[in-house]
mmCIF file of all heavy atoms, coordinates in Angstrom:
data_MODEL
# 
_entry.id   MODEL 
# 
loop_
_atom_site.group_PDB 
_atom_site.id 
_atom_site.type_symbol 
_atom_site.label_atom_id 
_atom_site.label_alt_id 
_atom_site.label_comp_id 
_atom_site.label_asym_id 
_atom_site.label_entity_id 
_atom_site.label_seq_id 
_atom_site.pdbx_PDB_ins_code 
_atom_site.Cartn_x 
_atom_site.Cartn_y 
_atom_site.Cartn_z 
_atom_site.occupancy 
_atom_site.B_iso_or_equiv 
_atom_site.pdbx_formal_charge 
_atom_site.auth_seq_id 
_atom_site.auth_comp_id 
_atom_site.auth_asym_id 
_atom_site.auth_atom_id 
_atom_site.pdbx_PDB_model_num 
ATOM 1   N N   . PHE A 1 1  ? -1.984  4.118  52.737 1.00 0.00 ? 1  PHE A N   1 
ATOM 2   C CA  . PHE A 1 1  ? -2.708  4.872  51.795 1.00 0.00 ? 1  PHE A CA  1 
ATOM 3   C C   . PHE A 1 1  ? -2.432  4.420  50.339 1.00 0.00 ? 1  PHE A C   1 
ATOM 4   O O   . PHE A 1 1  ? -3.423  4.262  49.633 1.00 0.00 ? 1  PHE A O   1 
ATOM 5   C CB  . PHE A 1 1  ? -2.402  6.393  51.865 1.00 0.00 ? 1  PHE A CB  1 
ATOM 6   C CG  . PHE A 1 1  ? -2.966  7.092  53.028 1.00 0.00 ? 1  PHE A CG  1 
ATOM 7   C CD1 . PHE A 1 1  ? -2.264  7.158  54.252 1.00 0.00 ? 1  PHE A CD1 1 
ATOM 8   C CD2 . PHE A 1 1  ? -4.281  7.603  52.989 1.00 0.00 ? 1  PHE A CD2 1 
ATOM 9   C CE1 . PHE A 1 1  ? -2.765  7.723  55.424 1.00 0.00 ? 1  PHE A CE1 1 
ATOM 10  C CE2 . PHE A 1 1  ? -4.784  8.230  54.152 1.00 0.00 ? 1  PHE A CE2 1 
ATOM 11  C CZ  . PHE A 1 1  ? -4.132  8.213  55.368 1.00 0.00 ? 1  PHE A CZ  1 
ATOM 12  N N   . LEU A 1 2  ? -1.174  4.108  49.993 1.00 0.00 ? 2  LEU A N   1 
ATOM 13  C CA  . LEU A 1 2  ? -0.992  3.611  48.631 1.00 0.00 ? 2  LEU A CA  1 
ATOM 14  C C   . LEU A 1 2  ? -1.762  2.280  48.391 1.00 0.00 ? 2  LEU A C   1 
ATOM 15  O O   . LEU A 1 2  ? -2.086  2.052  47.192 1.00 0.00 ? 2  LEU A O   1 
ATOM 16  C CB  . LEU A 1 2  ? 0.524   3.413  48.435 1.00 0.00 ? 2  LEU A CB  1 
ATOM 17  C CG  . LEU A 1 2  ? 1.265   4.746  48.168 1.00 0.00 ? 2  LEU A CG  1 
ATOM 18  C CD1 . LEU A 1 2  ? 2.772   4.463  47.989 1.00 0.00 ? 2  LEU A CD1 1 
ATOM 19  C CD2 . LEU A 1 2  ? 0.795   5.451  46.854 1.00 0.00 ? 2  LEU A CD2 1 
ATOM 20  N N   . PRO A 1 3  ? -1.875  1.413  49.236 1.00 0.00 ? 3  PRO A N   1 
ATOM 21  C CA  . PRO A 1 3  ? -2.509  0.101  48.973 1.00 0.00 ? 3  PRO A CA  1 
ATOM 22  C C   . PRO A 1 3  ? -4.012  0.326  48.598 1.00 0.00 ? 3  PRO A C   1 
ATOM 23  O O   . PRO A 1 3  ? -4.641  -0.592 48.037 1.00 0.00 ? 3  PRO A O   1 
ATOM 24  C CB  . PRO A 1 3  ? -2.407  -0.610 50.280 1.00 0.00 ? 3  PRO A CB  1 
ATOM 25  C CG  . PRO A 1 3  ? -1.164  -0.179 50.883 1.00 0.00 ? 3  PRO A CG  1 
ATOM 26  C CD  . PRO A 1 3  ? -1.172  1.298  50.579 1.00 0.00 ? 3  PRO A CD  1 
ATOM 27  N N   . LYS A 1 4  ? -4.556  1.534  48.850 1.00 0.00 ? 4  LYS A N   1 
ATOM 28  C CA  . LYS A 1 4  ? -5.958  1.847  48.427 1.00 0.00 ? 4  LYS A CA  1 
ATOM 29  C C   . LYS A 1 4  ? -6.117  1.708  47.005 1.00 0.00 ? 4  LYS A C   1 
ATOM 30  O O   . LYS A 1 4  ? -7.232  1.441  46.428 1.00 0.00 ? 4  LYS A O   1 
ATOM 31  C CB  . LYS A 1 4  ? -6.433  3.210  48.919 1.00 0.00 ? 4  LYS A CB  1 
ATOM 32  C CG  . LYS A 1 4  ? -6.501  3.245  50.457 1.00 0.00 ? 4  LYS A CG  1 
ATOM 33  C CD  . LYS A 1 4  ? -6.969  4.656  50.885 1.00 0.00 ? 4  LYS A CD  1 
ATOM 34  C CE  . LYS A 1 4  ? -6.982  4.777  52.407 1.00 0.00 ? 4  LYS A CE  1 
ATOM 35  N NZ  . LYS A 1 4  ? -7.718  5.998  52.809 1.00 0.00 ? 4  LYS A NZ  1 
ATOM 36  N N   . LEU A 1 5  ? -5.026  1.907  46.278 1.00 0.00 ? 5  LEU A N   1 
ATOM 37  C CA  . LEU A 1 5  ? -5.037  1.855  44.785 1.00 0.00 ? 5  LEU A CA  1 
ATOM 38  C C   . LEU A 1 5  ? -5.397  0.575  44.220 1.00 0.00 ? 5  LEU A C   1 
ATOM 39  O O   . LEU A 1 5  ? -6.030  0.439  43.162 1.00 0.00 ? 5  LEU A O   1 
ATOM 40  C CB  . LEU A 1 5  ? -3.589  2.288  44.228 1.00 0.00 ? 5  LEU A CB  1 
ATOM 41  C CG  . LEU A 1 5  ? -3.320  3.756  44.489 1.00 0.00 ? 5  LEU A CG  1 
ATOM 42  C CD1 . LEU A 1 5  ? -1.840  3.948  44.085 1.00 0.00 ? 5  LEU A CD1 1 
ATOM 43  C CD2 . LEU A 1 5  ? -4.116  4.638  43.532 1.00 0.00 ? 5  LEU A CD2 1 
ATOM 44  N N   . GLN A 1 6  ? -5.110  -0.514 44.934 1.00 0.00 ? 6  GLN A N   1 
ATOM 45  C CA  . GLN A 1 6  ? -5.391  -1.885 44.470 1.00 0.00 ? 6  GLN A CA  1 
ATOM 46  C C   . GLN A 1 6  ? -7.001  -2.078 44.433 1.00 0.00 ? 6  GLN A C   1 
ATOM 47  O O   . GLN A 1 6  ? -7.491  -2.882 43.632 1.00 0.00 ? 6  GLN A O   1 
ATOM 48  C CB  . GLN A 1 6  ? -4.866  -3.002 45.267 1.00 0.00 ? 6  GLN A CB  1 
ATOM 49  C CG  . GLN A 1 6  ? -5.251  -3.054 46.754 1.00 0.00 ? 6  GLN A CG  1 
ATOM 50  C CD  . GLN A 1 6  ? -4.578  -4.098 47.633 1.00 0.00 ? 6  GLN A CD  1 
ATOM 51  O OE1 . GLN A 1 6  ? -4.373  -5.233 47.160 1.00 0.00 ? 6  GLN A OE1 1 
ATOM 52  N NE2 . GLN A 1 6  ? -4.126  -3.760 48.775 1.00 0.00 ? 6  GLN A NE2 1 
ATOM 53  N N   . PHE A 1 7  ? -7.753  -1.239 45.224 1.00 0.00 ? 7  PHE A N   1 
ATOM 54  C CA  . PHE A 1 7  ? -9.187  -1.427 45.124 1.00 0.00 ? 7  PHE A CA  1 
ATOM 55  C C   . PHE A 1 7  ? -9.713  -0.431 44.172 1.00 0.00 ? 7  PHE A C   1 
ATOM 56  O O   . PHE A 1 7  ? -10.682 -0.746 43.421 1.00 0.00 ? 7  PHE A O   1 
ATOM 57  C CB  . PHE A 1 7  ? -9.791  -1.135 46.532 1.00 0.00 ? 7  PHE A CB  1 
ATOM 58  C CG  . PHE A 1 7  ? -9.226  -2.037 47.539 1.00 0.00 ? 7  PHE A CG  1 
ATOM 59  C CD1 . PHE A 1 7  ? -8.429  -1.626 48.617 1.00 0.00 ? 7  PHE A CD1 1 
ATOM 60  C CD2 . PHE A 1 7  ? -9.500  -3.406 47.631 1.00 0.00 ? 7  PHE A CD2 1 
ATOM 61  C CE1 . PHE A 1 7  ? -7.942  -2.409 49.628 1.00 0.00 ? 7  PHE A CE1 1 
ATOM 62  C CE2 . PHE A 1 7  ? -8.947  -4.321 48.551 1.00 0.00 ? 7  PHE A CE2 1 
ATOM 63  C CZ  . PHE A 1 7  ? -8.189  -3.792 49.590 1.00 0.00 ? 7  PHE A CZ  1 
ATOM 64  N N   . LEU A 1 8  ? -9.160  0.837  44.239 1.00 0.00 ? 8  LEU A N   1 
ATOM 65  C CA  . LEU A 1 8  ? -9.693  1.908  43.292 1.00 0.00 ? 8  LEU A CA  1 
ATOM 66  C C   . LEU A 1 8  ? -9.434  1.472  41.791 1.00 0.00 ? 8  LEU A C   1 
ATOM 67  O O   . LEU A 1 8  ? -10.228 1.769  40.913 1.00 0.00 ? 8  LEU A O   1 
ATOM 68  C CB  . LEU A 1 8  ? -8.942  3.210  43.600 1.00 0.00 ? 8  LEU A CB  1 
ATOM 69  C CG  . LEU A 1 8  ? -9.301  3.806  44.908 1.00 0.00 ? 8  LEU A CG  1 
ATOM 70  C CD1 . LEU A 1 8  ? -8.378  5.066  45.222 1.00 0.00 ? 8  LEU A CD1 1 
ATOM 71  C CD2 . LEU A 1 8  ? -10.749 4.331  44.935 1.00 0.00 ? 8  LEU A CD2 1 
ATOM 72  N N   . LYS A 1 9  ? -8.375  0.713  41.546 1.00 0.00 ? 9  LYS A N   1 
ATOM 73  C CA  . LYS A 1 9  ? -8.073  0.311  40.148 1.00 0.00 ? 9  LYS A CA  1 
ATOM 74  C C   . LYS A 1 9  ? -9.163  -0.626 39.617 1.00 0.00 ? 9  LYS A C   1 
ATOM 75  O O   . LYS A 1 9  ? -9.186  -0.848 38.332 1.00 0.00 ? 9  LYS A O   1 
ATOM 76  C CB  . LYS A 1 9  ? -6.750  -0.376 40.115 1.00 0.00 ? 9  LYS A CB  1 
ATOM 77  C CG  . LYS A 1 9  ? -5.403  0.541  40.221 1.00 0.00 ? 9  LYS A CG  1 
ATOM 78  C CD  . LYS A 1 9  ? -4.153  -0.184 39.962 1.00 0.00 ? 9  LYS A CD  1 
ATOM 79  C CE  . LYS A 1 9  ? -2.998  0.827  39.823 1.00 0.00 ? 9  LYS A CE  1 
ATOM 80  N NZ  . LYS A 1 9  ? -1.790  0.148  39.635 1.00 0.00 ? 9  LYS A NZ  1 
ATOM 81  N N   . GLN A 1 10 ? -9.961  -1.164 40.415 1.00 0.00 ? 10 GLN A N   1 
ATOM 82  C CA  . GLN A 1 10 ? -10.958 -2.013 40.022 1.00 0.00 ? 10 GLN A CA  1 
ATOM 83  C C   . GLN A 1 10 ? -12.191 -1.278 39.479 1.00 0.00 ? 10 GLN A C   1 
ATOM 84  O O   . GLN A 1 10 ? -13.160 -1.900 38.974 1.00 0.00 ? 10 GLN A O   1 
ATOM 85  C CB  . GLN A 1 10 ? -11.306 -3.025 41.086 1.00 0.00 ? 10 GLN A CB  1 
ATOM 86  C CG  . GLN A 1 10 ? -10.251 -3.911 41.575 1.00 0.00 ? 10 GLN A CG  1 
ATOM 87  C CD  . GLN A 1 10 ? -10.655 -4.919 42.777 1.00 0.00 ? 10 GLN A CD  1 
ATOM 88  O OE1 . GLN A 1 10 ? -11.675 -5.403 42.731 1.00 0.00 ? 10 GLN A OE1 1 
ATOM 89  N NE2 . GLN A 1 10 ? -9.807  -4.969 43.740 1.00 0.00 ? 10 GLN A NE2 1 
ATOM 90  N N   . HIS A 1 11 ? -12.244 -0.013 39.754 1.00 0.00 ? 11 HIS A N   1 
ATOM 91  C CA  . HIS A 1 11 ? -13.390 0.804  39.308 1.00 0.00 ? 11 HIS A CA  1 
ATOM 92  C C   . HIS A 1 11 ? -13.272 0.947  37.792 1.00 0.00 ? 11 HIS A C   1 
ATOM 93  O O   . HIS A 1 11 ? -12.173 1.359  37.225 1.00 0.00 ? 11 HIS A O   1 
ATOM 94  C CB  . HIS A 1 11 ? -13.397 2.171  39.910 1.00 0.00 ? 11 HIS A CB  1 
ATOM 95  C CG  . HIS A 1 11 ? -14.627 2.919  39.805 1.00 0.00 ? 11 HIS A CG  1 
ATOM 96  N ND1 . HIS A 1 11 ? -14.905 3.555  38.649 1.00 0.00 ? 11 HIS A ND1 1 
ATOM 97  C CD2 . HIS A 1 11 ? -15.797 3.117  40.655 1.00 0.00 ? 11 HIS A CD2 1 
ATOM 98  C CE1 . HIS A 1 11 ? -16.173 4.126  38.745 1.00 0.00 ? 11 HIS A CE1 1 
ATOM 99  N NE2 . HIS A 1 11 ? -16.583 3.821  39.977 1.00 0.00 ? 11 HIS A NE2 1 
ATOM 100 N N   . PRO A 1 12 ? -14.255 0.834  37.004 1.00 0.00 ? 12 PRO A N   1 
ATOM 101 C CA  . PRO A 1 12 ? -14.187 0.922  35.490 1.00 0.00 ? 12 PRO A CA  1 
ATOM 102 C C   . PRO A 1 12 ? -13.718 2.194  35.013 1.00 0.00 ? 12 PRO A C   1 
ATOM 103 O O   . PRO A 1 12 ? -13.170 2.247  33.856 1.00 0.00 ? 12 PRO A O   1 
ATOM 104 C CB  . PRO A 1 12 ? -15.660 0.581  35.080 1.00 0.00 ? 12 PRO A CB  1 
ATOM 105 C CG  . PRO A 1 12 ? -16.517 0.818  36.248 1.00 0.00 ? 12 PRO A CG  1 
ATOM 106 C CD  . PRO A 1 12 ? -15.713 0.445  37.439 1.00 0.00 ? 12 PRO A CD  1 
ATOM 107 N N   . ASP A 1 13 ? -13.897 3.383  35.792 1.00 0.00 ? 13 ASP A N   1 
ATOM 108 C CA  . ASP A 1 13 ? -13.592 4.642  35.298 1.00 0.00 ? 13 ASP A CA  1 
ATOM 109 C C   . ASP A 1 13 ? -12.239 5.072  35.893 1.00 0.00 ? 13 ASP A C   1 
ATOM 110 O O   . ASP A 1 13 ? -11.768 6.233  35.616 1.00 0.00 ? 13 ASP A O   1 
ATOM 111 C CB  . ASP A 1 13 ? -14.645 5.681  35.782 1.00 0.00 ? 13 ASP A CB  1 
ATOM 112 C CG  . ASP A 1 13 ? -15.923 5.402  35.080 1.00 0.00 ? 13 ASP A CG  1 
ATOM 113 O OD1 . ASP A 1 13 ? -16.052 4.746  34.008 1.00 0.00 ? 13 ASP A OD1 1 
ATOM 114 O OD2 . ASP A 1 13 ? -16.959 5.862  35.779 1.00 0.00 ? 13 ASP A OD2 1 
ATOM 115 N N   . PHE A 1 14 ? -11.536 4.307  36.623 1.00 0.00 ? 14 PHE A N   1 
ATOM 116 C CA  . PHE A 1 14 ? -10.386 4.663  37.360 1.00 0.00 ? 14 PHE A CA  1 
ATOM 117 C C   . PHE A 1 14 ? -9.355  5.290  36.531 1.00 0.00 ? 14 PHE A C   1 
ATOM 118 O O   . PHE A 1 14 ? -8.757  6.334  36.921 1.00 0.00 ? 14 PHE A O   1 
ATOM 119 C CB  . PHE A 1 14 ? -9.716  3.476  38.161 1.00 0.00 ? 14 PHE A CB  1 
ATOM 120 C CG  . PHE A 1 14 ? -8.468  3.922  38.915 1.00 0.00 ? 14 PHE A CG  1 
ATOM 121 C CD1 . PHE A 1 14 ? -8.600  4.649  40.030 1.00 0.00 ? 14 PHE A CD1 1 
ATOM 122 C CD2 . PHE A 1 14 ? -7.294  3.565  38.475 1.00 0.00 ? 14 PHE A CD2 1 
ATOM 123 C CE1 . PHE A 1 14 ? -7.410  5.058  40.743 1.00 0.00 ? 14 PHE A CE1 1 
ATOM 124 C CE2 . PHE A 1 14 ? -6.090  3.870  39.142 1.00 0.00 ? 14 PHE A CE2 1 
ATOM 125 C CZ  . PHE A 1 14 ? -6.178  4.704  40.318 1.00 0.00 ? 14 PHE A CZ  1 
ATOM 126 N N   . SER A 1 15 ? -8.972  4.769  35.368 1.00 0.00 ? 15 SER A N   1 
ATOM 127 C CA  . SER A 1 15 ? -7.812  5.296  34.631 1.00 0.00 ? 15 SER A CA  1 
ATOM 128 C C   . SER A 1 15 ? -8.022  6.723  34.195 1.00 0.00 ? 15 SER A C   1 
ATOM 129 O O   . SER A 1 15 ? -7.093  7.390  33.937 1.00 0.00 ? 15 SER A O   1 
ATOM 130 C CB  . SER A 1 15 ? -7.664  4.401  33.373 1.00 0.00 ? 15 SER A CB  1 
ATOM 131 O OG  . SER A 1 15 ? -8.785  4.378  32.617 1.00 0.00 ? 15 SER A OG  1 
ATOM 132 N N   . ALA A 1 16 ? -9.235  7.177  34.119 1.00 0.00 ? 16 ALA A N   1 
ATOM 133 C CA  . ALA A 1 16 ? -9.428  8.567  33.649 1.00 0.00 ? 16 ALA A CA  1 
ATOM 134 C C   . ALA A 1 16 ? -9.686  9.506  34.847 1.00 0.00 ? 16 ALA A C   1 
ATOM 135 O O   . ALA A 1 16 ? -9.841  10.766 34.653 1.00 0.00 ? 16 ALA A O   1 
ATOM 136 C CB  . ALA A 1 16 ? -10.756 8.524  32.789 1.00 0.00 ? 16 ALA A CB  1 
ATOM 137 N N   . LEU A 1 17 ? -9.638  9.027  36.056 1.00 0.00 ? 17 LEU A N   1 
ATOM 138 C CA  . LEU A 1 17 ? -9.932  9.849  37.213 1.00 0.00 ? 17 LEU A CA  1 
ATOM 139 C C   . LEU A 1 17 ? -8.636  10.528 37.764 1.00 0.00 ? 17 LEU A C   1 
ATOM 140 O O   . LEU A 1 17 ? -7.647  9.761  37.992 1.00 0.00 ? 17 LEU A O   1 
ATOM 141 C CB  . LEU A 1 17 ? -10.626 9.069  38.291 1.00 0.00 ? 17 LEU A CB  1 
ATOM 142 C CG  . LEU A 1 17 ? -12.118 8.523  37.927 1.00 0.00 ? 17 LEU A CG  1 
ATOM 143 C CD1 . LEU A 1 17 ? -12.570 7.617  39.087 1.00 0.00 ? 17 LEU A CD1 1 
ATOM 144 C CD2 . LEU A 1 17 ? -12.949 9.685  37.627 1.00 0.00 ? 17 LEU A CD2 1 
ATOM 145 N N   . PRO A 1 18 ? -8.686  11.717 38.199 1.00 0.00 ? 18 PRO A N   1 
ATOM 146 C CA  . PRO A 1 18 ? -7.467  12.315 38.859 1.00 0.00 ? 18 PRO A CA  1 
ATOM 147 C C   . PRO A 1 18 ? -7.451  11.910 40.330 1.00 0.00 ? 18 PRO A C   1 
ATOM 148 O O   . PRO A 1 18 ? -8.457  11.541 40.835 1.00 0.00 ? 18 PRO A O   1 
ATOM 149 C CB  . PRO A 1 18 ? -7.773  13.832 38.747 1.00 0.00 ? 18 PRO A CB  1 
ATOM 150 C CG  . PRO A 1 18 ? -9.186  13.900 38.711 1.00 0.00 ? 18 PRO A CG  1 
ATOM 151 C CD  . PRO A 1 18 ? -9.762  12.725 37.974 1.00 0.00 ? 18 PRO A CD  1 
ATOM 152 N N   . ILE A 1 19 ? -6.301  11.959 40.793 1.00 0.00 ? 19 ILE A N   1 
ATOM 153 C CA  . ILE A 1 19 ? -5.979  11.571 42.251 1.00 0.00 ? 19 ILE A CA  1 
ATOM 154 C C   . ILE A 1 19 ? -5.682  12.862 43.024 1.00 0.00 ? 19 ILE A C   1 
ATOM 155 O O   . ILE A 1 19 ? -4.769  13.592 42.592 1.00 0.00 ? 19 ILE A O   1 
ATOM 156 C CB  . ILE A 1 19 ? -4.795  10.468 42.399 1.00 0.00 ? 19 ILE A CB  1 
ATOM 157 C CG1 . ILE A 1 19 ? -5.305  9.196  41.627 1.00 0.00 ? 19 ILE A CG1 1 
ATOM 158 C CG2 . ILE A 1 19 ? -4.622  10.282 43.879 1.00 0.00 ? 19 ILE A CG2 1 
ATOM 159 C CD1 . ILE A 1 19 ? -4.185  8.216  41.600 1.00 0.00 ? 19 ILE A CD1 1 
ATOM 160 N N   . ILE A 1 20 ? -6.352  13.059 44.113 1.00 0.00 ? 20 ILE A N   1 
ATOM 161 C CA  . ILE A 1 20 ? -6.102  14.343 44.962 1.00 0.00 ? 20 ILE A CA  1 
ATOM 162 C C   . ILE A 1 20 ? -5.040  14.006 45.921 1.00 0.00 ? 20 ILE A C   1 
ATOM 163 O O   . ILE A 1 20 ? -5.133  13.074 46.705 1.00 0.00 ? 20 ILE A O   1 
ATOM 164 C CB  . ILE A 1 20 ? -7.350  14.809 45.649 1.00 0.00 ? 20 ILE A CB  1 
ATOM 165 C CG1 . ILE A 1 20 ? -8.483  14.970 44.590 1.00 0.00 ? 20 ILE A CG1 1 
ATOM 166 C CG2 . ILE A 1 20 ? -7.165  16.010 46.427 1.00 0.00 ? 20 ILE A CG2 1 
ATOM 167 C CD1 . ILE A 1 20 ? -9.888  15.134 45.268 1.00 0.00 ? 20 ILE A CD1 1 
ATOM 168 N N   . VAL A 1 21 ? -3.980  14.764 45.927 1.00 0.00 ? 21 VAL A N   1 
ATOM 169 C CA  . VAL A 1 21 ? -2.859  14.575 46.793 1.00 0.00 ? 21 VAL A CA  1 
ATOM 170 C C   . VAL A 1 21 ? -2.313  15.911 47.458 1.00 0.00 ? 21 VAL A C   1 
ATOM 171 O O   . VAL A 1 21 ? -2.570  16.977 46.883 1.00 0.00 ? 21 VAL A O   1 
ATOM 172 C CB  . VAL A 1 21 ? -1.671  13.939 46.154 1.00 0.00 ? 21 VAL A CB  1 
ATOM 173 C CG1 . VAL A 1 21 ? -1.994  12.445 45.765 1.00 0.00 ? 21 VAL A CG1 1 
ATOM 174 C CG2 . VAL A 1 21 ? -1.070  14.708 45.036 1.00 0.00 ? 21 VAL A CG2 1 
ATOM 175 N N   . ASP A 1 22 ? -1.604  15.818 48.507 1.00 0.00 ? 22 ASP A N   1 
ATOM 176 C CA  . ASP A 1 22 ? -1.001  16.996 49.170 1.00 0.00 ? 22 ASP A CA  1 
ATOM 177 C C   . ASP A 1 22 ? 0.124   17.444 48.399 1.00 0.00 ? 22 ASP A C   1 
ATOM 178 O O   . ASP A 1 22 ? 1.030   16.612 48.139 1.00 0.00 ? 22 ASP A O   1 
ATOM 179 C CB  . ASP A 1 22 ? -0.633  16.620 50.573 1.00 0.00 ? 22 ASP A CB  1 
ATOM 180 C CG  . ASP A 1 22 ? 0.067   17.650 51.386 1.00 0.00 ? 22 ASP A CG  1 
ATOM 181 O OD1 . ASP A 1 22 ? 0.116   18.861 50.871 1.00 0.00 ? 22 ASP A OD1 1 
ATOM 182 O OD2 . ASP A 1 22 ? 0.627   17.364 52.447 1.00 0.00 ? 22 ASP A OD2 1 
ATOM 183 N N   . VAL A 1 23 ? 0.203   18.697 47.995 1.00 0.00 ? 23 VAL A N   1 
ATOM 184 C CA  . VAL A 1 23 ? 1.385   19.261 47.202 1.00 0.00 ? 23 VAL A CA  1 
ATOM 185 C C   . VAL A 1 23 ? 2.631   19.185 47.955 1.00 0.00 ? 23 VAL A C   1 
ATOM 186 O O   . VAL A 1 23 ? 3.778   19.155 47.338 1.00 0.00 ? 23 VAL A O   1 
ATOM 187 C CB  . VAL A 1 23 ? 0.999   20.687 46.771 1.00 0.00 ? 23 VAL A CB  1 
ATOM 188 C CG1 . VAL A 1 23 ? 1.048   21.676 47.889 1.00 0.00 ? 23 VAL A CG1 1 
ATOM 189 C CG2 . VAL A 1 23 ? 1.972   21.179 45.708 1.00 0.00 ? 23 VAL A CG2 1 
ATOM 190 N N   . ASP A 1 24 ? 2.564   19.195 49.230 1.00 0.00 ? 24 ASP A N   1 
ATOM 191 C CA  . ASP A 1 24 ? 3.749   19.299 50.095 1.00 0.00 ? 24 ASP A CA  1 
ATOM 192 C C   . ASP A 1 24 ? 4.300   17.812 50.481 1.00 0.00 ? 24 ASP A C   1 
ATOM 193 O O   . ASP A 1 24 ? 5.154   17.731 51.276 1.00 0.00 ? 24 ASP A O   1 
ATOM 194 C CB  . ASP A 1 24 ? 3.546   20.007 51.368 1.00 0.00 ? 24 ASP A CB  1 
ATOM 195 C CG  . ASP A 1 24 ? 3.227   21.499 51.067 1.00 0.00 ? 24 ASP A CG  1 
ATOM 196 O OD1 . ASP A 1 24 ? 3.808   21.978 50.080 1.00 0.00 ? 24 ASP A OD1 1 
ATOM 197 O OD2 . ASP A 1 24 ? 2.438   22.106 51.764 1.00 0.00 ? 24 ASP A OD2 1 
ATOM 198 N N   . MET A 1 25 ? 3.875   16.761 49.913 1.00 0.00 ? 25 MET A N   1 
ATOM 199 C CA  . MET A 1 25 ? 4.340   15.496 50.140 1.00 0.00 ? 25 MET A CA  1 
ATOM 200 C C   . MET A 1 25 ? 5.706   15.420 49.754 1.00 0.00 ? 25 MET A C   1 
ATOM 201 O O   . MET A 1 25 ? 6.194   16.005 48.754 1.00 0.00 ? 25 MET A O   1 
ATOM 202 C CB  . MET A 1 25 ? 3.482   14.376 49.401 1.00 0.00 ? 25 MET A CB  1 
ATOM 203 C CG  . MET A 1 25 ? 2.194   14.035 49.790 1.00 0.00 ? 25 MET A CG  1 
ATOM 204 S SD  . MET A 1 25 ? 1.630   12.440 49.200 1.00 0.00 ? 25 MET A SD  1 
ATOM 205 C CE  . MET A 1 25 ? 1.911   12.553 47.364 1.00 0.00 ? 25 MET A CE  1 
# 
């Protein structure tokens, strides 16, 4: 799951977007 960030970071709006995660991680 964490490696998905290497692709998402290429999106021009990524730095402003929130990431949805499980509170119980």
